[in-house]
Amino acid sequence: ISKPQLLGKALHTQFGVLIGITGDVGGKLVLSGEETVFGAIGETMFGM
């Protein structure tokens, strides 16, 4: 994992997942990457 950095501009992505966070702090968690990365993780986790 790289060191965290502040993003100073709008976030641009082609593929990913967005999940809202509520409670003591509000925001969103965004996972972004090539479909092949998600596919490789899925294949490792589920064997297909």
All heavy atoms as atom14 arrays in JSON, in Angstrom:
{
  "sequence": "ISKPQLLGKALHTQFGVLIGITGDVGGKLVLSGEETVFGAIGETMFGM",
  "atom14_mask": [
    [1, 1, 1, 1, 1, 1, 1, 1, 0, 0, 0, 0, 0, 0],
    [1, 1, 1, 1, 1, 1, 0, 0, 0, 0, 0, 0, 0, 0],
    [1, 1, 1, 1, 1, 1, 1, 1, 1, 0, 0, 0, 0, 0],
    [1, 1, 1, 1, 1, 1, 1, 0, 0, 0, 0, 0, 0, 0],
    [1, 1, 1, 1, 1, 1, 1, 1, 1, 0, 0, 0, 0, 0],
    [1, 1, 1, 1, 1, 1, 1, 1, 0, 0, 0, 0, 0, 0],
    [1, 1, 1, 1, 1, 1, 1, 1, 0, 0, 0, 0, 0, 0],
    [1, 1, 1, 1, 0, 0, 0, 0, 0, 0, 0, 0, 0, 0],
    [1, 1, 1, 1, 1, 1, 1, 1, 1, 0, 0, 0, 0, 0],
    [1, 1, 1, 1, 1, 0, 0, 0, 0, 0, 0, 0, 0, 0],
    [1, 1, 1, 1, 1, 1, 1, 1, 0, 0, 0, 0, 0, 0],
    [1, 1, 1, 1, 1, 1, 1, 1, 1, 1, 0, 0, 0, 0],
    [1, 1, 1, 1, 1, 1, 1, 0, 0, 0, 0, 0, 0, 0],
    [1, 1, 1, 1, 1, 1, 1, 1, 1, 0, 0, 0, 0, 0],
    [1, 1, 1, 1, 1, 1, 1, 1, 1, 1, 1, 0, 0, 0],
    [1, 1, 1, 1, 0, 0, 0, 0, 0, 0, 0, 0, 0, 0],
    [1, 1, 1, 1, 1, 1, 1, 0, 0, 0, 0, 0, 0, 0],
    [1, 1, 1, 1, 1, 1, 1, 1, 0, 0, 0, 0, 0, 0],
    [1, 1, 1, 1, 1, 1, 1, 1, 0, 0, 0, 0, 0, 0],
    [1, 1, 1, 1, 0, 0, 0, 0, 0, 0, 0, 0, 0, 0],
    [1, 1, 1, 1, 1, 1, 1, 1, 0, 0, 0, 0, 0, 0],
    [1, 1, 1, 1, 1, 1, 1, 0, 0, 0, 0, 0, 0, 0],
    [1, 1, 1, 1, 0, 0, 0, 0, 0, 0, 0, 0, 0, 0],
    [1, 1, 1, 1, 1, 1, 1, 1, 0, 0, 0, 0, 0, 0],
    [1, 1, 1, 1, 1, 1, 1, 0, 0, 0, 0, 0, 0, 0],
    [1, 1, 1, 1, 0, 0, 0, 0, 0, 0, 0, 0, 0, 0],
    [1, 1, 1, 1, 0, 0, 0, 0, 0, 0, 0, 0, 0, 0],
    [1, 1, 1, 1, 1, 1, 1, 1, 1, 0, 0, 0, 0, 0],
    [1, 1, 1, 1, 1, 1, 1, 1, 0, 0, 0, 0, 0, 0],
    [1, 1, 1, 1, 1, 1, 1, 0, 0, 0, 0, 0, 0, 0],
    [1, 1, 1, 1, 1, 1, 1, 1, 0, 0, 0, 0, 0, 0],
    [1, 1, 1, 1, 1, 1, 0, 0, 0, 0, 0, 0, 0, 0],
    [1, 1, 1, 1, 0, 0, 0, 0, 0, 0, 0, 0, 0, 0],
    [1, 1, 1, 1, 1, 1, 1, 1, 1, 0, 0, 0, 0, 0],
    [1, 1, 1, 1, 1, 1, 1, 1, 1, 0, 0, 0, 0, 0],
    [1, 1, 1, 1, 1, 1, 1, 0, 0, 0, 0, 0, 0, 0],
    [1, 1, 1, 1, 1, 1, 1, 0, 0, 0, 0, 0, 0, 0],
    [1, 1, 1, 1, 1, 1, 1, 1, 1, 1, 1, 0, 0, 0],
    [1, 1, 1, 1, 0, 0, 0, 0, 0, 0, 0, 0, 0, 0],
    [1, 1, 1, 1, 1, 0, 0, 0, 0, 0, 0, 0, 0, 0],
    [1, 1, 1, 1, 1, 1, 1, 1, 0, 0, 0, 0, 0, 0],
    [1, 1, 1, 1, 0, 0, 0, 0, 0, 0, 0, 0, 0, 0],
    [1, 1, 1, 1, 1, 1, 1, 1, 1, 0, 0, 0, 0, 0],
    [1, 1, 1, 1, 1, 1, 1, 0, 0, 0, 0, 0, 0, 0],
    [1, 1, 1, 1, 1, 1, 1, 1, 0, 0, 0, 0, 0, 0],
    [1, 1, 1, 1, 1, 1, 1, 1, 1, 1, 1, 0, 0, 0],
    [1, 1, 1, 1, 0, 0, 0, 0, 0, 0, 0, 0, 0, 0],
    [1, 1, 1, 1, 1, 1, 1, 1, 0, 0, 0, 0, 0, 0]
  ],
  "atom14_positions": [
    [[0.85, -1.19, 0.0], [0.0, 0.0, 0.0], [0.89, 1.24, 0.0], [1.81, 1.35, 0.81], [-0.92, 0.01, 1.24], [-1.78, -1.27, 1.27], [-1.8, 1.26, 1.24], [-2.57, -1.45, 2.55], [0.0, 0.0, 0.0], [0.0, 0.0, 0.0], [0.0, 0.0, 0.0], [0.0, 0.0, 0.0], [0.0, 0.0, 0.0], [0.0, 0.0, 0.0]],
    [[0.59, 2.17, -0.9], [1.35, 3.42, -0.95], [1.01, 4.3, 0.25], [0.03, 4.06, 0.95], [1.02, 4.17, -2.25], [-0.31, 4.67, -2.21], [0.0, 0.0, 0.0], [0.0, 0.0, 0.0], [0.0, 0.0, 0.0], [0.0, 0.0, 0.0], [0.0, 0.0, 0.0], [0.0, 0.0, 0.0], [0.0, 0.0, 0.0], [0.0, 0.0, 0.0]],
    [[1.82, 5.31, 0.46], [1.52, 6.28, 1.51], [0.29, 7.08, 1.09], [0.1, 7.38, -0.1], [2.7, 7.25, 1.7], [3.9, 6.61, 2.33], [4.97, 7.63, 2.57], [6.16, 6.96, 3.23], [7.25, 7.92, 3.47], [0.0, 0.0, 0.0], [0.0, 0.0, 0.0], [0.0, 0.0, 0.0], [0.0, 0.0, 0.0], [0.0, 0.0, 0.0]],
    [[-0.56, 7.44, 2.06], [-1.75, 8.22, 1.7], [-1.38, 9.61, 1.19], [-0.43, 10.22, 1.68], [-2.54, 8.3, 3.01], [-1.62, 7.89, 4.09], [-0.49, 7.15, 3.47], [0.0, 0.0, 0.0], [0.0, 0.0, 0.0], [0.0, 0.0, 0.0], [0.0, 0.0, 0.0], [0.0, 0.0, 0.0], [0.0, 0.0, 0.0], [0.0, 0.0, 0.0]],
    [[-2.13, 10.06, 0.21], [-1.93, 11.4, -0.34], [-3.28, 12.09, -0.43], [-4.31, 11.45, -0.61], [-1.31, 11.31, -1.73], [0.06, 10.69, -1.73], [0.69, 10.74, -3.11], [0.08, 11.15, -4.1], [1.94, 10.32, -3.2], [0.0, 0.0, 0.0], [0.0, 0.0, 0.0], [0.0, 0.0, 0.0], [0.0, 0.0, 0.0], [0.0, 0.0, 0.0]],
    [[-3.24, 13.41, -0.32], [-4.46, 14.2, -0.53], [-4.72, 14.3, -2.02], [-3.8, 14.52, -2.81], [-4.31, 15.6, 0.05], [-4.36, 15.71, 1.57], [-4.06, 17.15, 2.01], [-5.72, 15.29, 2.1], [0.0, 0.0, 0.0], [0.0, 0.0, 0.0], [0.0, 0.0, 0.0], [0.0, 0.0, 0.0], [0.0, 0.0, 0.0], [0.0, 0.0, 0.0]],
    [[-5.96, 14.1, -2.41], [-6.36, 14.25, -3.8], [-6.81, 15.68, -3.97], [-7.75, 16.13, -3.32], [-7.51, 13.27, -4.12], [-8.02, 13.27, -5.55], [-6.94, 12.75, -6.49], [-9.26, 12.42, -5.65], [0.0, 0.0, 0.0], [0.0, 0.0, 0.0], [0.0, 0.0, 0.0], [0.0, 0.0, 0.0], [0.0, 0.0, 0.0], [0.0, 0.0, 0.0]],
    [[-6.15, 16.42, -4.85], [-6.43, 17.84, -4.99], [-7.37, 18.19, -6.12], [-7.58, 19.35, -6.43], [0.0, 0.0, 0.0], [0.0, 0.0, 0.0], [0.0, 0.0, 0.0], [0.0, 0.0, 0.0], [0.0, 0.0, 0.0], [0.0, 0.0, 0.0], [0.0, 0.0, 0.0], [0.0, 0.0, 0.0], [0.0, 0.0, 0.0], [0.0, 0.0, 0.0]],
    [[-7.92, 17.18, -6.78], [-8.79, 17.43, -7.92], [-9.95, 16.43, -7.9], [-10.0, 15.59, -7.03], [-8.0, 17.31, -9.22], [-7.28, 15.98, -9.37], [-6.35, 16.0, -10.56], [-5.54, 14.78, -10.82], [-5.57, 13.63, -10.04], [0.0, 0.0, 0.0], [0.0, 0.0, 0.0], [0.0, 0.0, 0.0], [0.0, 0.0, 0.0], [0.0, 0.0, 0.0]],
    [[-10.82, 16.55, -8.88], [-11.93, 15.6, -8.97], [-11.37, 14.2, -9.26], [-10.33, 14.04, -9.88], [-12.89, 16.02, -10.08], [0.0, 0.0, 0.0], [0.0, 0.0, 0.0], [0.0, 0.0, 0.0], [0.0, 0.0, 0.0], [0.0, 0.0, 0.0], [0.0, 0.0, 0.0], [0.0, 0.0, 0.0], [0.0, 0.0, 0.0], [0.0, 0.0, 0.0]],
    [[-12.07, 13.21, -8.78], [-11.69, 11.82, -8.99], [-12.29, 11.35, -10.31], [-13.49, 11.51, -10.53], [-12.23, 10.99, -7.82], [-11.87, 9.52, -7.71], [-12.16, 9.05, -6.31], [-12.56, 8.65, -8.7], [0.0, 0.0, 0.0], [0.0, 0.0, 0.0], [0.0, 0.0, 0.0], [0.0, 0.0, 0.0], [0.0, 0.0, 0.0], [0.0, 0.0, 0.0]],
    [[-11.46, 10.78, -11.18], [-11.93, 10.24, -12.46], [-11.66, 8.74, -12.47], [-10.58, 8.3, -12.1], [-11.2, 10.9, -13.64], [-11.45, 12.36, -13.73], [-12.6, 12.88, -14.29], [-10.73, 13.42, -13.32], [-12.56, 14.19, -14.22], [-11.43, 14.55, -13.64], [0.0, 0.0, 0.0], [0.0, 0.0, 0.0], [0.0, 0.0, 0.0], [0.0, 0.0, 0.0]],
    [[-12.65, 7.97, -12.89], [-12.48, 6.53, -12.94], [-13.31, 5.94, -14.09], [-14.27, 6.56, -14.55], [-12.86, 5.86, -11.6], [-12.52, 4.49, -11.64], [-14.33, 6.03, -11.27], [0.0, 0.0, 0.0], [0.0, 0.0, 0.0], [0.0, 0.0, 0.0], [0.0, 0.0, 0.0], [0.0, 0.0, 0.0], [0.0, 0.0, 0.0], [0.0, 0.0, 0.0]],
    [[-12.93, 4.75, -14.5], [-13.66, 4.01, -15.52], [-14.44, 2.85, -14.93], [-15.46, 2.43, -15.46], [-12.69, 3.46, -16.58], [-12.04, 4.52, -17.43], [-13.03, 5.18, -18.38], [-13.89, 4.54, -18.97], [-12.92, 6.48, -18.52], [0.0, 0.0, 0.0], [0.0, 0.0, 0.0], [0.0, 0.0, 0.0], [0.0, 0.0, 0.0], [0.0, 0.0, 0.0]],
    [[-13.92, 2.28, -13.82], [-14.57, 1.13, -13.2], [-14.26, 1.15, -11.71], [-13.14, 1.41, -11.3], [-14.07, -0.19, -13.8], [-14.83, -1.39, -13.3], [-16.04, -1.74, -13.87], [-14.35, -2.14, -12.25], [-16.76, -2.84, -13.4], [-15.05, -3.25, -11.77], [-16.26, -3.6, -12.35], [0.0, 0.0, 0.0], [0.0, 0.0, 0.0], [0.0, 0.0, 0.0]],
    [[-15.28, 0.84, -10.9], [-15.05, 0.78, -9.46], [-16.34, 0.59, -8.69], [-17.39, 0.27, -9.24], [0.0, 0.0, 0.0], [0.0, 0.0, 0.0], [0.0, 0.0, 0.0], [0.0, 0.0, 0.0], [0.0, 0.0, 0.0], [0.0, 0.0, 0.0], [0.0, 0.0, 0.0], [0.0, 0.0, 0.0], [0.0, 0.0, 0.0], [0.0, 0.0, 0.0]],
    [[-16.2, 0.8, -7.39], [-17.31, 0.63, -6.46], [-17.31, 1.82, -5.5], [-16.24, 2.24, -5.02], [-17.14, -0.67, -5.64], [-18.3, -0.86, -4.68], [-16.99, -1.87, -6.53], [0.0, 0.0, 0.0], [0.0, 0.0, 0.0], [0.0, 0.0, 0.0], [0.0, 0.0, 0.0], [0.0, 0.0, 0.0], [0.0, 0.0, 0.0], [0.0, 0.0, 0.0]],
    [[-18.47, 2.36, -5.21], [-18.63, 3.46, -4.26], [-19.54, 2.99, -3.14], [-20.61, 2.42, -3.4], [-19.25, 4.67, -4.97], [-19.5, 5.9, -4.11], [-19.28, 7.15, -4.94], [-20.9, 5.92, -3.53], [0.0, 0.0, 0.0], [0.0, 0.0, 0.0], [0.0, 0.0, 0.0], [0.0, 0.0, 0.0], [0.0, 0.0, 0.0], [0.0, 0.0, 0.0]],
    [[-19.1, 3.22, -1.9], [-19.9, 2.88, -0.73], [-19.95, 4.09, 0.19], [-18.91, 4.66, 0.53], [-19.32, 1.66, 0.02], [-19.42, 0.45, -0.9], [-20.05, 1.39, 1.33], [-18.51, -0.64, -0.56], [0.0, 0.0, 0.0], [0.0, 0.0, 0.0], [0.0, 0.0, 0.0], [0.0, 0.0, 0.0], [0.0, 0.0, 0.0], [0.0, 0.0, 0.0]],
    [[-21.15, 4.51, 0.57], [-21.31, 5.64, 1.46], [-20.98, 5.27, 2.9], [-21.21, 4.13, 3.32], [0.0, 0.0, 0.0], [0.0, 0.0, 0.0], [0.0, 0.0, 0.0], [0.0, 0.0, 0.0], [0.0, 0.0, 0.0], [0.0, 0.0, 0.0], [0.0, 0.0, 0.0], [0.0, 0.0, 0.0], [0.0, 0.0, 0.0], [0.0, 0.0, 0.0]],
    [[-20.44, 6.25, 3.62], [-20.12, 6.1, 5.04], [-20.9, 7.16, 5.8], [-20.87, 8.34, 5.43], [-18.61, 6.27, 5.3], [-17.8, 5.26, 4.5], [-18.3, 6.17, 6.79], [-16.3, 5.51, 4.51], [0.0, 0.0, 0.0], [0.0, 0.0, 0.0], [0.0, 0.0, 0.0], [0.0, 0.0, 0.0], [0.0, 0.0, 0.0], [0.0, 0.0, 0.0]],
    [[-21.62, 6.74, 6.83], [-22.37, 7.67, 7.67], [-21.96, 7.46, 9.12], [-21.3, 6.49, 9.45], [-23.89, 7.45, 7.52], [-24.2, 6.12, 7.96], [-24.36, 7.64, 6.09], [0.0, 0.0, 0.0], [0.0, 0.0, 0.0], [0.0, 0.0, 0.0], [0.0, 0.0, 0.0], [0.0, 0.0, 0.0], [0.0, 0.0, 0.0], [0.0, 0.0, 0.0]],
    [[-22.36, 8.37, 9.98], [-22.04, 8.25, 11.4], [-21.25, 9.45, 11.88], [-21.56, 10.58, 11.51], [0.0, 0.0, 0.0], [0.0, 0.0, 0.0], [0.0, 0.0, 0.0], [0.0, 0.0, 0.0], [0.0, 0.0, 0.0], [0.0, 0.0, 0.0], [0.0, 0.0, 0.0], [0.0, 0.0, 0.0], [0.0, 0.0, 0.0], [0.0, 0.0, 0.0]],
    [[-20.2, 9.2, 12.68], [-19.4, 10.29, 13.23], [-18.71, 11.11, 12.14], [-18.38, 12.27, 12.34], [-18.34, 9.74, 14.2], [-18.95, 9.28, 15.51], [-20.11, 9.66, 15.81], [-18.28, 8.52, 16.25], [0.0, 0.0, 0.0], [0.0, 0.0, 0.0], [0.0, 0.0, 0.0], [0.0, 0.0, 0.0], [0.0, 0.0, 0.0], [0.0, 0.0, 0.0]],
    [[-18.47, 10.51, 11.01], [-17.93, 11.22, 9.85], [-18.65, 10.68, 8.62], [-18.98, 9.5, 8.55], [-16.39, 11.04, 9.73], [-16.02, 9.61, 9.38], [-15.8, 11.99, 8.71], [0.0, 0.0, 0.0], [0.0, 0.0, 0.0], [0.0, 0.0, 0.0], [0.0, 0.0, 0.0], [0.0, 0.0, 0.0], [0.0, 0.0, 0.0], [0.0, 0.0, 0.0]],
    [[-18.95, 11.56, 7.7], [-19.65, 11.15, 6.49], [-18.72, 11.19, 5.3], [-17.77, 11.97, 5.26], [0.0, 0.0, 0.0], [0.0, 0.0, 0.0], [0.0, 0.0, 0.0], [0.0, 0.0, 0.0], [0.0, 0.0, 0.0], [0.0, 0.0, 0.0], [0.0, 0.0, 0.0], [0.0, 0.0, 0.0], [0.0, 0.0, 0.0], [0.0, 0.0, 0.0]],
    [[-19.0, 10.33, 4.34], [-18.18, 10.33, 3.14], [-18.45, 9.11, 2.3], [-19.52, 8.5, 2.38], [0.0, 0.0, 0.0], [0.0, 0.0, 0.0], [0.0, 0.0, 0.0], [0.0, 0.0, 0.0], [0.0, 0.0, 0.0], [0.0, 0.0, 0.0], [0.0, 0.0, 0.0], [0.0, 0.0, 0.0], [0.0, 0.0, 0.0], [0.0, 0.0, 0.0]],
    [[-17.45, 8.77, 1.49], [-17.57, 7.63, 0.6], [-16.24, 6.9, 0.54], [-15.19, 7.52, 0.58], [-17.96, 8.1, -0.81], [-19.34, 8.7, -0.89], [-19.38, 9.77, -1.97], [-20.54, 10.72, -1.8], [-20.41, 11.62, -0.67], [0.0, 0.0, 0.0], [0.0, 0.0, 0.0], [0.0, 0.0, 0.0], [0.0, 0.0, 0.0], [0.0, 0.0, 0.0]],
    [[-16.32, 5.58, 0.43], [-15.17, 4.75, 0.14], [-15.29, 4.36, -1.32], [-16.34, 3.85, -1.73], [-15.16, 3.51, 1.04], [-14.1, 2.46, 0.74], [-12.71, 2.99, 1.09], [-14.38, 1.18, 1.53], [0.0, 0.0, 0.0], [0.0, 0.0, 0.0], [0.0, 0.0, 0.0], [0.0, 0.0, 0.0], [0.0, 0.0, 0.0], [0.0, 0.0, 0.0]],
    [[-14.25, 4.62, -2.11], [-14.28, 4.28, -3.52], [-13.1, 3.36, -3.84], [-11.96, 3.68, -3.52], [-14.2, 5.55, -4.42], [-14.17, 5.16, -5.89], [-15.36, 6.49, -4.13], [0.0, 0.0, 0.0], [0.0, 0.0, 0.0], [0.0, 0.0, 0.0], [0.0, 0.0, 0.0], [0.0, 0.0, 0.0], [0.0, 0.0, 0.0], [0.0, 0.0, 0.0]],
    [[-13.4, 2.22, -4.44], [-12.39, 1.31, -4.96], [-12.4, 1.51, -6.46], [-13.45, 1.41, -7.09], [-12.73, -0.14, -4.64], [-13.1, -0.48, -3.2], [-13.46, -1.95, -3.08], [-11.97, -0.14, -2.26], [0.0, 0.0, 0.0], [0.0, 0.0, 0.0], [0.0, 0.0, 0.0], [0.0, 0.0, 0.0], [0.0, 0.0, 0.0], [0.0, 0.0, 0.0]],
    [[-11.24, 1.79, -7.05], [-11.17, 2.09, -8.48], [-10.01, 1.32, -9.11], [-8.92, 1.25, -8.53], [-10.96, 3.6, -8.66], [-10.76, 3.93, -10.01], [0.0, 0.0, 0.0], [0.0, 0.0, 0.0], [0.0, 0.0, 0.0], [0.0, 0.0, 0.0], [0.0, 0.0, 0.0], [0.0, 0.0, 0.0], [0.0, 0.0, 0.0], [0.0, 0.0, 0.0]],
    [[-10.26, 0.77, -10.27], [-9.19, 0.07, -10.97], [-9.69, -0.55, -12.26], [-10.87, -0.46, -12.6], [0.0, 0.0, 0.0], [0.0, 0.0, 0.0], [0.0, 0.0, 0.0], [0.0, 0.0, 0.0], [0.0, 0.0, 0.0], [0.0, 0.0, 0.0], [0.0, 0.0, 0.0], [0.0, 0.0, 0.0], [0.0, 0.0, 0.0], [0.0, 0.0, 0.0]],
    [[-8.78, -1.18, -12.95], [-9.15, -1.89, -14.18], [-10.04, -3.08, -13.81], [-9.87, -3.68, -12.76], [-7.89, -2.39, -14.89], [-6.94, -1.3, -15.33], [-7.49, -0.46, -16.48], [-8.2, -1.04, -17.34], [-7.23, 0.75, -16.5], [0.0, 0.0, 0.0], [0.0, 0.0, 0.0], [0.0, 0.0, 0.0], [0.0, 0.0, 0.0], [0.0, 0.0, 0.0]],
    [[-10.95, -3.41, -14.7], [-11.8, -4.58, -14.47], [-10.96, -5.84, -14.27], [-11.34, -6.73, -13.51], [-12.77, -4.77, -15.64], [-13.85, -3.71, -15.69], [-14.85, -3.95, -16.82], [-15.21, -5.13, -17.07], [-15.26, -2.96, -17.44], [0.0, 0.0, 0.0], [0.0, 0.0, 0.0], [0.0, 0.0, 0.0], [0.0, 0.0, 0.0], [0.0, 0.0, 0.0]],
    [[-9.81, -5.9, -14.94], [-8.94, -7.08, -14.82], [-8.43, -7.26, -13.4], [-8.22, -8.4, -12.96], [-7.75, -6.99, -15.79], [-7.04, -5.76, -15.55], [-8.21, -7.06, -17.24], [0.0, 0.0, 0.0], [0.0, 0.0, 0.0], [0.0, 0.0, 0.0], [0.0, 0.0, 0.0], [0.0, 0.0, 0.0], [0.0, 0.0, 0.0], [0.0, 0.0, 0.0]],
    [[-8.22, -6.16, -12.67], [-7.74, -6.25, -11.28], [-8.85, -6.85, -10.41], [-8.6, -7.79, -9.63], [-7.32, -4.87, -10.74], [-6.93, -4.95, -9.27], [-6.16, -4.3, -11.56], [0.0, 0.0, 0.0], [0.0, 0.0, 0.0], [0.0, 0.0, 0.0], [0.0, 0.0, 0.0], [0.0, 0.0, 0.0], [0.0, 0.0, 0.0], [0.0, 0.0, 0.0]],
    [[-10.07, -6.34, -10.55], [-11.2, -6.9, -9.8], [-11.39, -8.37, -10.17], [-11.67, -9.21, -9.32], [-12.48, -6.1, -10.07], [-12.51, -4.76, -9.38], [-11.95, -3.63, -9.97], [-13.11, -4.61, -8.14], [-11.99, -2.39, -9.34], [-13.15, -3.38, -7.5], [-12.59, -2.27, -8.1], [0.0, 0.0, 0.0], [0.0, 0.0, 0.0], [0.0, 0.0, 0.0]],
    [[-11.24, -8.67, -11.47], [-11.4, -10.04, -11.94], [-10.36, -10.98, -11.35], [-10.67, -12.11, -10.95], [0.0, 0.0, 0.0], [0.0, 0.0, 0.0], [0.0, 0.0, 0.0], [0.0, 0.0, 0.0], [0.0, 0.0, 0.0], [0.0, 0.0, 0.0], [0.0, 0.0, 0.0], [0.0, 0.0, 0.0], [0.0, 0.0, 0.0], [0.0, 0.0, 0.0]],
    [[-9.1, -10.52, -11.28], [-8.03, -11.35, -10.72], [-8.26, -11.61, -9.23], [-8.02, -12.72, -8.73], [-6.67, -10.68, -10.95], [0.0, 0.0, 0.0], [0.0, 0.0, 0.0], [0.0, 0.0, 0.0], [0.0, 0.0, 0.0], [0.0, 0.0, 0.0], [0.0, 0.0, 0.0], [0.0, 0.0, 0.0], [0.0, 0.0, 0.0], [0.0, 0.0, 0.0]],
    [[-8.74, -10.6, -8.52], [-9.04, -10.77, -7.09], [-10.18, -11.77, -6.93], [-10.12, -12.68, -6.11], [-9.38, -9.42, -6.43], [-8.15, -8.52, -6.4], [-9.93, -9.63, -5.01], [-8.42, -7.08, -6.0], [0.0, 0.0, 0.0], [0.0, 0.0, 0.0], [0.0, 0.0, 0.0], [0.0, 0.0, 0.0], [0.0, 0.0, 0.0], [0.0, 0.0, 0.0]],
    [[-11.22, -11.63, -7.75], [-12.35, -12.56, -7.71], [-11.94, -13.98, -8.03], [-12.37, -14.93, -7.36], [0.0, 0.0, 0.0], [0.0, 0.0, 0.0], [0.0, 0.0, 0.0], [0.0, 0.0, 0.0], [0.0, 0.0, 0.0], [0.0, 0.0, 0.0], [0.0, 0.0, 0.0], [0.0, 0.0, 0.0], [0.0, 0.0, 0.0], [0.0, 0.0, 0.0]],
    [[-11.07, -14.14, -9.02], [-10.62, -15.48, -9.38], [-9.81, -16.1, -8.25], [-9.96, -17.29, -7.96], [-9.79, -15.43, -10.66], [-9.46, -16.8, -11.2], [-8.94, -16.77, -12.62], [-8.93, -15.7, -13.27], [-8.54, -17.84, -13.09], [0.0, 0.0, 0.0], [0.0, 0.0, 0.0], [0.0, 0.0, 0.0], [0.0, 0.0, 0.0], [0.0, 0.0, 0.0]],
    [[-8.98, -15.3, -7.58], [-8.2, -15.8, -6.45], [-9.13, -16.2, -5.3], [-8.94, -17.24, -4.67], [-7.2, -14.74, -5.96], [-6.29, -14.46, -7.02], [-6.43, -15.22, -4.74], [0.0, 0.0, 0.0], [0.0, 0.0, 0.0], [0.0, 0.0, 0.0], [0.0, 0.0, 0.0], [0.0, 0.0, 0.0], [0.0, 0.0, 0.0], [0.0, 0.0, 0.0]],
    [[-10.14, -15.4, -5.04], [-11.04, -15.66, -3.91], [-12.01, -16.8, -4.17], [-12.36, -17.54, -3.25], [-11.8, -14.38, -3.53], [-10.9, -13.3, -2.93], [-11.77, -11.75, -2.57], [-12.75, -12.24, -1.15], [0.0, 0.0, 0.0], [0.0, 0.0, 0.0], [0.0, 0.0, 0.0], [0.0, 0.0, 0.0], [0.0, 0.0, 0.0], [0.0, 0.0, 0.0]],
    [[-12.47, -16.95, -5.43], [-13.52, -17.92, -5.72], [-13.11, -19.02, -6.68], [-13.92, -19.9, -6.98], [-14.78, -17.2, -6.23], [-15.36, -16.28, -5.2], [-15.27, -14.91, -5.36], [-15.95, -16.78, -4.05], [-15.79, -14.05, -4.39], [-16.47, -15.93, -3.09], [-16.38, -14.57, -3.26], [0.0, 0.0, 0.0], [0.0, 0.0, 0.0], [0.0, 0.0, 0.0]],
    [[-11.88, -18.96, -7.21], [-11.37, -20.04, -8.04], [-11.96, -20.12, -9.43], [-11.86, -21.15, -10.08], [0.0, 0.0, 0.0], [0.0, 0.0, 0.0], [0.0, 0.0, 0.0], [0.0, 0.0, 0.0], [0.0, 0.0, 0.0], [0.0, 0.0, 0.0], [0.0, 0.0, 0.0], [0.0, 0.0, 0.0], [0.0, 0.0, 0.0], [0.0, 0.0, 0.0]],
    [[-12.59, -19.06, -9.89], [-13.15, -19.08, -11.24], [-13.1, -17.67, -11.84], [-13.13, -16.67, -11.11], [-14.6, -19.59, -11.24], [-15.55, -18.77, -10.4], [-17.21, -19.46, -10.32], [-18.01, -18.57, -11.64], [0.0, 0.0, 0.0], [0.0, 0.0, 0.0], [0.0, 0.0, 0.0], [0.0, 0.0, 0.0], [0.0, 0.0, 0.0], [0.0, 0.0, 0.0]]
  ]
}
